[in-house]
């Protein structure tokens, strides 16, 4: 069984434990070694997502631990429920674009709220395509955040 099928089956079984039978959608990005899993919309979306996405992150952590403990060390999985994470990413990207424009206009650095590694990666990728600004992660642990600065190079 390949990693994609293993991760899909694992997540389907996990969701079934809560009394919901679904077919998990999956895509694999072999270049990055990432499997993207999406649990389709059900009456338990709120439960599966949890407060601030906490349950969703737990599902993702469990899926990744299962992958690693079953010999798929070079592969990781991202888990989404009914497109929740995708919507959050898009909202964050829009916010970052507005902040970047402000930084370009007034030249003052702007520190974003503390974020987890995944959110910081979304921010850095969004800013990579915007000329005139650069980003840097600062702080440690849960206080780690992204600072958006005006680029010194034109």
N, C-alpha and C. Protein backbone atom coordinates (compact mmCIF):
# COMPACT_ATOMS: atom_id res chain seq x y z
N UNK A 1 0.85 -1.18 0.00
CA UNK A 1 0.00 0.00 0.00
C UNK A 1 0.90 1.24 0.00
N UNK A 2 0.58 2.22 -0.84
CA UNK A 2 1.38 3.43 -0.87
C UNK A 2 0.94 4.39 0.24
N UNK A 3 1.75 5.42 0.47
CA UNK A 3 1.50 6.36 1.56
C UNK A 3 0.16 7.06 1.42
N UNK A 4 -0.19 7.45 0.21
CA UNK A 4 -1.46 8.16 -0.02
C UNK A 4 -2.64 7.29 0.39
N UNK A 5 -2.64 6.04 -0.03
CA UNK A 5 -3.74 5.13 0.31
C UNK A 5 -3.77 4.87 1.81
N UNK A 6 -2.59 4.69 2.41
CA UNK A 6 -2.52 4.45 3.85
C UNK A 6 -3.12 5.62 4.61
N UNK A 7 -2.70 6.85 4.28
CA UNK A 7 -3.19 8.04 4.98
C UNK A 7 -4.69 8.22 4.79
N UNK A 8 -5.16 7.98 3.57
CA UNK A 8 -6.59 8.11 3.28
C UNK A 8 -7.39 7.11 4.10
N UNK A 9 -6.96 5.86 4.10
CA UNK A 9 -7.65 4.82 4.87
C UNK A 9 -7.63 5.13 6.36
N UNK A 10 -6.48 5.58 6.86
CA UNK A 10 -6.35 5.89 8.28
C UNK A 10 -7.35 6.98 8.69
N UNK A 11 -7.41 8.06 7.90
CA UNK A 11 -8.30 9.16 8.23
C UNK A 11 -9.77 8.75 8.09
N UNK A 12 -10.09 7.96 7.08
CA UNK A 12 -11.47 7.47 6.93
C UNK A 12 -11.87 6.63 8.14
N UNK A 13 -10.97 5.78 8.61
CA UNK A 13 -11.25 4.95 9.79
C UNK A 13 -11.39 5.81 11.05
N UNK A 14 -10.58 6.84 11.15
CA UNK A 14 -10.66 7.74 12.31
C UNK A 14 -12.00 8.45 12.34
N UNK A 15 -12.44 8.96 11.21
CA UNK A 15 -13.72 9.67 11.13
C UNK A 15 -14.88 8.69 11.36
N UNK A 16 -14.75 7.47 10.86
CA UNK A 16 -15.78 6.45 11.04
C UNK A 16 -15.97 6.13 12.52
N UNK A 17 -14.89 6.23 13.30
CA UNK A 17 -14.97 6.00 14.74
C UNK A 17 -16.02 6.92 15.39
N UNK A 18 -16.22 8.11 14.80
CA UNK A 18 -17.19 9.07 15.32
C UNK A 18 -18.57 8.90 14.69
N UNK A 19 -18.75 7.81 13.97
CA UNK A 19 -20.07 7.49 13.43
C UNK A 19 -20.40 8.11 12.09
N UNK A 20 -19.39 8.57 11.37
CA UNK A 20 -19.62 9.19 10.06
C UNK A 20 -18.85 8.41 9.00
N UNK A 21 -19.57 7.91 8.01
CA UNK A 21 -18.92 7.22 6.89
C UNK A 21 -18.74 8.20 5.75
N UNK A 22 -17.49 8.49 5.41
CA UNK A 22 -17.18 9.41 4.33
C UNK A 22 -16.06 8.83 3.47
N UNK A 23 -15.96 9.35 2.28
CA UNK A 23 -14.83 9.04 1.42
C UNK A 23 -13.92 10.27 1.44
N UNK A 24 -12.75 10.11 2.01
CA UNK A 24 -11.80 11.22 2.13
C UNK A 24 -11.17 11.47 0.77
N UNK A 25 -11.17 12.75 0.38
CA UNK A 25 -10.53 13.15 -0.88
C UNK A 25 -9.04 13.29 -0.62
N UNK A 26 -8.21 12.85 -1.57
CA UNK A 26 -6.77 12.95 -1.37
C UNK A 26 -6.05 13.34 -2.66
N UNK A 27 -5.00 14.12 -2.48
CA UNK A 27 -4.10 14.50 -3.57
C UNK A 27 -2.69 14.37 -3.03
N UNK A 28 -1.76 13.99 -3.90
CA UNK A 28 -0.38 13.87 -3.47
C UNK A 28 0.51 14.78 -4.28
N UNK A 29 1.33 15.55 -3.58
CA UNK A 29 2.34 16.37 -4.22
C UNK A 29 3.66 15.64 -3.99
N UNK A 30 4.06 14.86 -4.98
CA UNK A 30 5.25 14.02 -4.81
C UNK A 30 6.53 14.83 -4.69
N UNK A 31 6.57 16.02 -5.32
CA UNK A 31 7.76 16.87 -5.24
C UNK A 31 8.02 17.31 -3.80
N UNK A 32 6.97 17.65 -3.09
CA UNK A 32 7.10 18.10 -1.71
C UNK A 32 6.95 16.97 -0.70
N UNK A 33 6.50 15.81 -1.14
CA UNK A 33 6.28 14.69 -0.22
C UNK A 33 5.10 14.93 0.70
N UNK A 34 4.07 15.60 0.17
CA UNK A 34 2.90 15.96 0.99
C UNK A 34 1.64 15.35 0.40
N UNK A 35 0.83 14.78 1.28
CA UNK A 35 -0.48 14.26 0.90
C UNK A 35 -1.51 15.21 1.48
N UNK A 36 -2.37 15.74 0.64
CA UNK A 36 -3.43 16.64 1.09
C UNK A 36 -4.73 15.85 1.19
N UNK A 37 -5.28 15.80 2.40
CA UNK A 37 -6.51 15.05 2.67
C UNK A 37 -7.62 16.01 3.04
N UNK A 38 -8.81 15.77 2.49
CA UNK A 38 -9.95 16.62 2.82
C UNK A 38 -11.14 15.74 3.19
N UNK A 39 -11.65 15.97 4.39
CA UNK A 39 -12.87 15.29 4.83
C UNK A 39 -14.03 16.13 4.31
N UNK A 40 -14.91 15.54 3.49
CA UNK A 40 -16.02 16.33 2.94
C UNK A 40 -16.98 16.79 4.04
N UNK A 41 -17.81 17.76 3.69
CA UNK A 41 -18.75 18.36 4.62
C UNK A 41 -19.72 17.32 5.19
N UNK A 42 -19.89 17.35 6.51
CA UNK A 42 -20.85 16.49 7.20
C UNK A 42 -21.55 17.33 8.27
N UNK A 43 -22.49 16.72 8.95
CA UNK A 43 -23.16 17.42 10.04
C UNK A 43 -22.24 17.63 11.24
N UNK A 44 -21.06 17.02 11.22
CA UNK A 44 -20.11 17.16 12.33
C UNK A 44 -18.92 18.06 12.00
N UNK A 45 -19.06 18.92 11.00
CA UNK A 45 -17.94 19.79 10.62
C UNK A 45 -17.37 20.54 11.82
N UNK A 46 -18.22 21.19 12.58
CA UNK A 46 -17.77 21.97 13.73
C UNK A 46 -17.01 21.12 14.73
N UNK A 47 -17.49 19.91 14.96
CA UNK A 47 -16.82 19.00 15.89
C UNK A 47 -15.45 18.59 15.34
N UNK A 48 -15.40 18.24 14.05
CA UNK A 48 -14.14 17.79 13.44
C UNK A 48 -13.12 18.93 13.35
N UNK A 49 -13.57 20.16 13.20
CA UNK A 49 -12.67 21.30 13.12
C UNK A 49 -12.22 21.70 14.52
N UNK A 50 -13.17 21.80 15.45
CA UNK A 50 -12.85 22.18 16.82
C UNK A 50 -12.62 23.67 16.96
N UNK A 51 -12.43 24.10 18.19
CA UNK A 51 -12.21 25.52 18.47
C UNK A 51 -10.87 25.94 17.88
N UNK A 52 -10.92 26.96 17.02
CA UNK A 52 -9.72 27.48 16.34
C UNK A 52 -8.95 26.40 15.57
N UNK A 53 -9.65 25.37 15.13
CA UNK A 53 -9.01 24.32 14.34
C UNK A 53 -8.21 23.31 15.15
N UNK A 54 -8.41 23.29 16.47
CA UNK A 54 -7.61 22.40 17.32
C UNK A 54 -7.84 20.92 17.01
N UNK A 55 -9.09 20.51 16.82
CA UNK A 55 -9.37 19.10 16.54
C UNK A 55 -8.82 18.73 15.16
N UNK A 56 -8.96 19.62 14.22
CA UNK A 56 -8.41 19.41 12.89
C UNK A 56 -6.90 19.18 12.95
N UNK A 57 -6.19 19.99 13.73
CA UNK A 57 -4.74 19.81 13.89
C UNK A 57 -4.44 18.47 14.56
N UNK A 58 -5.29 18.06 15.49
CA UNK A 58 -5.09 16.75 16.14
C UNK A 58 -5.25 15.61 15.14
N UNK A 59 -6.26 15.71 14.27
CA UNK A 59 -6.43 14.69 13.23
C UNK A 59 -5.19 14.65 12.33
N UNK A 60 -4.67 15.82 12.01
CA UNK A 60 -3.48 15.87 11.17
C UNK A 60 -2.27 15.25 11.88
N UNK A 61 -2.09 15.58 13.16
CA UNK A 61 -0.98 15.02 13.93
C UNK A 61 -1.08 13.50 14.03
N UNK A 62 -2.28 13.00 14.30
CA UNK A 62 -2.48 11.55 14.38
C UNK A 62 -2.18 10.87 13.05
N UNK A 63 -2.63 11.48 11.97
CA UNK A 63 -2.38 10.92 10.64
C UNK A 63 -0.88 10.89 10.35
N UNK A 64 -0.18 11.96 10.68
CA UNK A 64 1.26 12.01 10.45
C UNK A 64 2.02 11.02 11.33
N UNK A 65 1.59 10.86 12.58
CA UNK A 65 2.23 9.87 13.45
C UNK A 65 2.01 8.46 12.90
N UNK A 66 0.83 8.18 12.39
CA UNK A 66 0.54 6.87 11.81
C UNK A 66 1.40 6.63 10.57
N UNK A 67 1.55 7.65 9.74
CA UNK A 67 2.42 7.52 8.56
C UNK A 67 3.85 7.17 8.98
N UNK A 68 4.39 7.93 9.92
CA UNK A 68 5.78 7.73 10.35
C UNK A 68 5.97 6.36 10.99
N UNK A 69 5.03 5.94 11.82
CA UNK A 69 5.19 4.66 12.52
C UNK A 69 4.94 3.46 11.62
N UNK A 70 4.48 3.71 10.40
CA UNK A 70 4.26 2.61 9.45
C UNK A 70 5.20 2.69 8.25
N UNK A 71 6.34 3.36 8.45
CA UNK A 71 7.40 3.34 7.46
C UNK A 71 7.36 4.41 6.38
N UNK A 72 6.49 5.39 6.53
CA UNK A 72 6.41 6.46 5.52
C UNK A 72 7.06 7.74 6.06
N UNK A 73 8.34 7.66 6.43
CA UNK A 73 9.03 8.77 7.06
C UNK A 73 9.20 9.98 6.14
N UNK A 74 9.26 9.77 4.83
CA UNK A 74 9.51 10.87 3.89
C UNK A 74 8.23 11.56 3.44
N UNK A 75 7.10 11.21 4.02
CA UNK A 75 5.82 11.76 3.60
C UNK A 75 5.11 12.40 4.79
N UNK A 76 4.45 13.51 4.53
CA UNK A 76 3.61 14.12 5.56
C UNK A 76 2.24 14.40 4.98
N UNK A 77 1.27 14.60 5.85
CA UNK A 77 -0.10 14.83 5.41
C UNK A 77 -0.62 16.14 5.99
N UNK A 78 -1.42 16.82 5.20
CA UNK A 78 -2.19 17.94 5.71
C UNK A 78 -3.65 17.52 5.65
N UNK A 79 -4.38 17.83 6.69
CA UNK A 79 -5.79 17.42 6.78
C UNK A 79 -6.65 18.67 6.81
N UNK A 80 -7.72 18.65 6.03
CA UNK A 80 -8.69 19.74 5.99
C UNK A 80 -10.08 19.13 6.17
N UNK A 81 -11.00 19.92 6.67
CA UNK A 81 -12.39 19.49 6.81
C UNK A 81 -13.27 20.49 6.07
N UNK A 82 -13.93 20.02 5.04
CA UNK A 82 -14.87 20.84 4.26
C UNK A 82 -14.25 22.16 3.79
N UNK A 83 -12.96 22.12 3.48
CA UNK A 83 -12.29 23.32 2.98
C UNK A 83 -12.00 24.39 4.01
N UNK A 84 -12.16 24.08 5.31
CA UNK A 84 -11.95 25.07 6.38
C UNK A 84 -10.54 25.66 6.33
N UNK A 85 -9.53 24.79 6.27
CA UNK A 85 -8.15 25.26 6.30
C UNK A 85 -7.84 26.11 5.06
N UNK A 86 -8.37 25.70 3.92
CA UNK A 86 -8.16 26.47 2.69
C UNK A 86 -8.75 27.87 2.83
N UNK A 87 -9.94 27.97 3.41
CA UNK A 87 -10.57 29.28 3.62
C UNK A 87 -9.74 30.13 4.59
N UNK A 88 -9.24 29.51 5.64
CA UNK A 88 -8.42 30.24 6.62
C UNK A 88 -7.14 30.74 5.95
N UNK A 89 -6.52 29.90 5.11
CA UNK A 89 -5.31 30.29 4.41
C UNK A 89 -5.57 31.49 3.51
N UNK A 90 -6.68 31.45 2.79
CA UNK A 90 -7.02 32.56 1.89
C UNK A 90 -7.27 33.85 2.67
N UNK A 91 -7.93 33.74 3.81
CA UNK A 91 -8.18 34.90 4.66
C UNK A 91 -6.85 35.48 5.16
N UNK A 92 -5.95 34.62 5.58
CA UNK A 92 -4.64 35.06 6.06
C UNK A 92 -3.85 35.71 4.93
N UNK A 93 -3.88 35.13 3.74
CA UNK A 93 -3.17 35.71 2.60
C UNK A 93 -3.70 37.11 2.26
N UNK A 94 -5.02 37.28 2.28
CA UNK A 94 -5.60 38.61 2.00
C UNK A 94 -5.14 39.62 3.05
N UNK A 95 -5.14 39.21 4.32
CA UNK A 95 -4.71 40.10 5.39
C UNK A 95 -3.24 40.50 5.19
N UNK A 96 -2.41 39.52 4.88
CA UNK A 96 -0.97 39.77 4.70
C UNK A 96 -0.73 40.71 3.52
N UNK A 97 -1.50 40.56 2.47
CA UNK A 97 -1.35 41.45 1.31
C UNK A 97 -1.68 42.89 1.68
N UNK A 98 -2.72 43.09 2.48
CA UNK A 98 -3.07 44.44 2.94
C UNK A 98 -1.96 45.02 3.82
N UNK A 99 -1.45 44.20 4.73
CA UNK A 99 -0.37 44.67 5.61
C UNK A 99 0.86 45.00 4.79
N UNK A 100 1.17 44.18 3.80
CA UNK A 100 2.34 44.42 2.95
C UNK A 100 2.21 45.76 2.23
N UNK A 101 1.03 46.07 1.75
CA UNK A 101 0.81 47.36 1.08
C UNK A 101 1.03 48.51 2.06
N UNK A 102 0.56 48.36 3.30
CA UNK A 102 0.77 49.39 4.32
C UNK A 102 2.25 49.58 4.60
N UNK A 103 2.98 48.48 4.70
CA UNK A 103 4.42 48.54 4.97
C UNK A 103 5.14 49.24 3.82
N UNK A 104 4.76 48.91 2.60
CA UNK A 104 5.38 49.56 1.44
C UNK A 104 5.09 51.06 1.44
N UNK A 105 3.90 51.43 1.84
CA UNK A 105 3.48 52.84 1.83
C UNK A 105 4.16 53.66 2.92
N UNK A 106 4.11 53.14 4.17
CA UNK A 106 4.63 53.94 5.29
C UNK A 106 6.04 53.56 5.73
N UNK A 107 6.56 52.44 5.24
CA UNK A 107 7.94 52.05 5.54
C UNK A 107 8.17 51.50 6.94
N UNK A 108 7.11 51.35 7.73
CA UNK A 108 7.26 50.85 9.10
C UNK A 108 7.07 49.34 9.13
N UNK A 109 7.93 48.65 9.90
CA UNK A 109 7.79 47.20 10.07
C UNK A 109 6.46 46.90 10.74
N UNK A 110 5.92 45.73 10.44
CA UNK A 110 4.66 45.32 11.06
C UNK A 110 4.81 43.88 11.56
N UNK A 111 4.58 43.66 12.85
CA UNK A 111 4.63 42.33 13.45
C UNK A 111 3.23 41.74 13.45
N UNK A 112 3.10 40.55 12.90
CA UNK A 112 1.82 39.84 12.92
C UNK A 112 1.67 39.13 14.26
N UNK A 113 0.47 38.65 14.53
CA UNK A 113 0.22 37.92 15.78
C UNK A 113 1.07 36.64 15.79
N UNK A 114 1.33 36.08 16.96
CA UNK A 114 2.04 34.80 17.01
C UNK A 114 1.29 33.73 16.23
N UNK A 115 2.05 32.90 15.51
CA UNK A 115 1.45 31.88 14.64
C UNK A 115 2.21 30.58 14.76
N UNK A 116 1.51 29.49 14.40
CA UNK A 116 2.18 28.20 14.34
C UNK A 116 3.01 28.13 13.05
N UNK A 117 3.82 27.09 12.92
CA UNK A 117 4.73 26.96 11.78
C UNK A 117 3.99 26.95 10.45
N UNK A 118 2.87 26.28 10.39
CA UNK A 118 2.11 26.21 9.15
C UNK A 118 1.64 27.59 8.71
N UNK A 119 1.08 28.37 9.63
CA UNK A 119 0.59 29.71 9.30
C UNK A 119 1.75 30.62 8.88
N UNK A 120 2.89 30.52 9.57
CA UNK A 120 4.04 31.34 9.20
C UNK A 120 4.50 31.00 7.78
N UNK A 121 4.47 29.73 7.43
CA UNK A 121 4.84 29.31 6.08
C UNK A 121 3.89 29.90 5.04
N UNK A 122 2.59 29.91 5.35
CA UNK A 122 1.60 30.53 4.45
C UNK A 122 1.93 32.00 4.24
N UNK A 123 2.28 32.71 5.32
CA UNK A 123 2.62 34.13 5.24
C UNK A 123 3.87 34.34 4.38
N UNK A 124 4.93 33.59 4.66
CA UNK A 124 6.18 33.75 3.90
C UNK A 124 5.95 33.49 2.41
N UNK A 125 5.17 32.46 2.10
CA UNK A 125 4.90 32.16 0.69
C UNK A 125 4.08 33.26 0.03
N UNK A 126 3.12 33.82 0.74
CA UNK A 126 2.30 34.90 0.19
C UNK A 126 3.15 36.14 -0.07
N UNK A 127 4.09 36.41 0.80
CA UNK A 127 4.92 37.61 0.66
C UNK A 127 6.04 37.43 -0.36
N UNK A 128 6.39 36.21 -0.68
CA UNK A 128 7.47 35.96 -1.64
C UNK A 128 7.16 36.55 -3.01
N UNK A 129 5.89 36.66 -3.34
CA UNK A 129 5.48 37.18 -4.65
C UNK A 129 5.21 38.68 -4.65
N UNK A 130 5.42 39.35 -3.54
CA UNK A 130 5.14 40.78 -3.46
C UNK A 130 6.47 41.54 -3.43
N UNK A 131 6.70 42.36 -4.45
CA UNK A 131 7.91 43.17 -4.51
C UNK A 131 7.85 44.29 -3.48
N UNK A 132 9.03 44.62 -2.94
CA UNK A 132 9.12 45.75 -2.03
C UNK A 132 8.99 45.42 -0.56
N UNK A 133 8.71 44.14 -0.24
CA UNK A 133 8.63 43.73 1.16
C UNK A 133 9.36 42.41 1.36
N UNK A 134 9.76 42.18 2.59
CA UNK A 134 10.36 40.90 2.96
C UNK A 134 9.81 40.49 4.31
N UNK A 135 9.97 39.22 4.64
CA UNK A 135 9.43 38.72 5.90
C UNK A 135 10.50 37.96 6.66
N UNK A 136 10.30 37.93 7.97
CA UNK A 136 11.24 37.25 8.84
C UNK A 136 10.48 36.74 10.06
N UNK A 137 10.76 35.51 10.47
CA UNK A 137 10.17 34.97 11.68
C UNK A 137 11.04 35.34 12.87
N UNK A 138 10.39 35.79 13.95
CA UNK A 138 11.12 36.16 15.16
C UNK A 138 10.44 35.52 16.37
N UNK A 139 11.14 35.50 17.49
CA UNK A 139 10.58 34.96 18.72
C UNK A 139 10.83 33.47 18.83
N UNK A 140 10.29 32.89 19.90
CA UNK A 140 10.49 31.47 20.16
C UNK A 140 9.19 30.83 20.60
N UNK A 141 9.06 29.55 20.31
CA UNK A 141 7.92 28.76 20.76
C UNK A 141 6.59 29.33 20.31
N UNK A 142 5.64 29.40 21.23
CA UNK A 142 4.30 29.88 20.90
C UNK A 142 4.26 31.38 20.59
N UNK A 143 5.33 32.10 20.95
CA UNK A 143 5.39 33.54 20.70
C UNK A 143 6.02 33.86 19.34
N UNK A 144 6.35 32.84 18.56
CA UNK A 144 6.99 33.06 17.26
C UNK A 144 6.02 33.74 16.31
N UNK A 145 6.51 34.78 15.64
CA UNK A 145 5.65 35.56 14.76
C UNK A 145 6.42 36.01 13.53
N UNK A 146 5.71 36.54 12.55
CA UNK A 146 6.32 37.04 11.32
C UNK A 146 6.34 38.56 11.38
N UNK A 147 7.49 39.12 11.00
CA UNK A 147 7.63 40.57 10.88
C UNK A 147 7.74 40.88 9.39
N UNK A 148 6.90 41.80 8.93
CA UNK A 148 6.93 42.22 7.53
C UNK A 148 7.66 43.55 7.48
N UNK A 149 8.69 43.61 6.61
CA UNK A 149 9.53 44.80 6.51
C UNK A 149 9.60 45.28 5.07
N UNK A 150 9.87 46.55 4.91
CA UNK A 150 10.10 47.10 3.58
C UNK A 150 11.47 46.59 3.12
N UNK A 151 11.54 46.14 1.87
CA UNK A 151 12.80 45.64 1.33
C UNK A 151 13.81 46.76 1.18
N UNK A 152 15.07 46.42 1.44
CA UNK A 152 16.13 47.40 1.25
C UNK A 152 16.51 47.50 -0.22
N UNK A 153 16.32 46.41 -0.96
CA UNK A 153 16.62 46.43 -2.39
C UNK A 153 15.39 46.89 -3.16
N UNK A 154 15.58 47.62 -4.26
CA UNK A 154 14.44 48.17 -5.00
C UNK A 154 13.56 47.13 -5.63
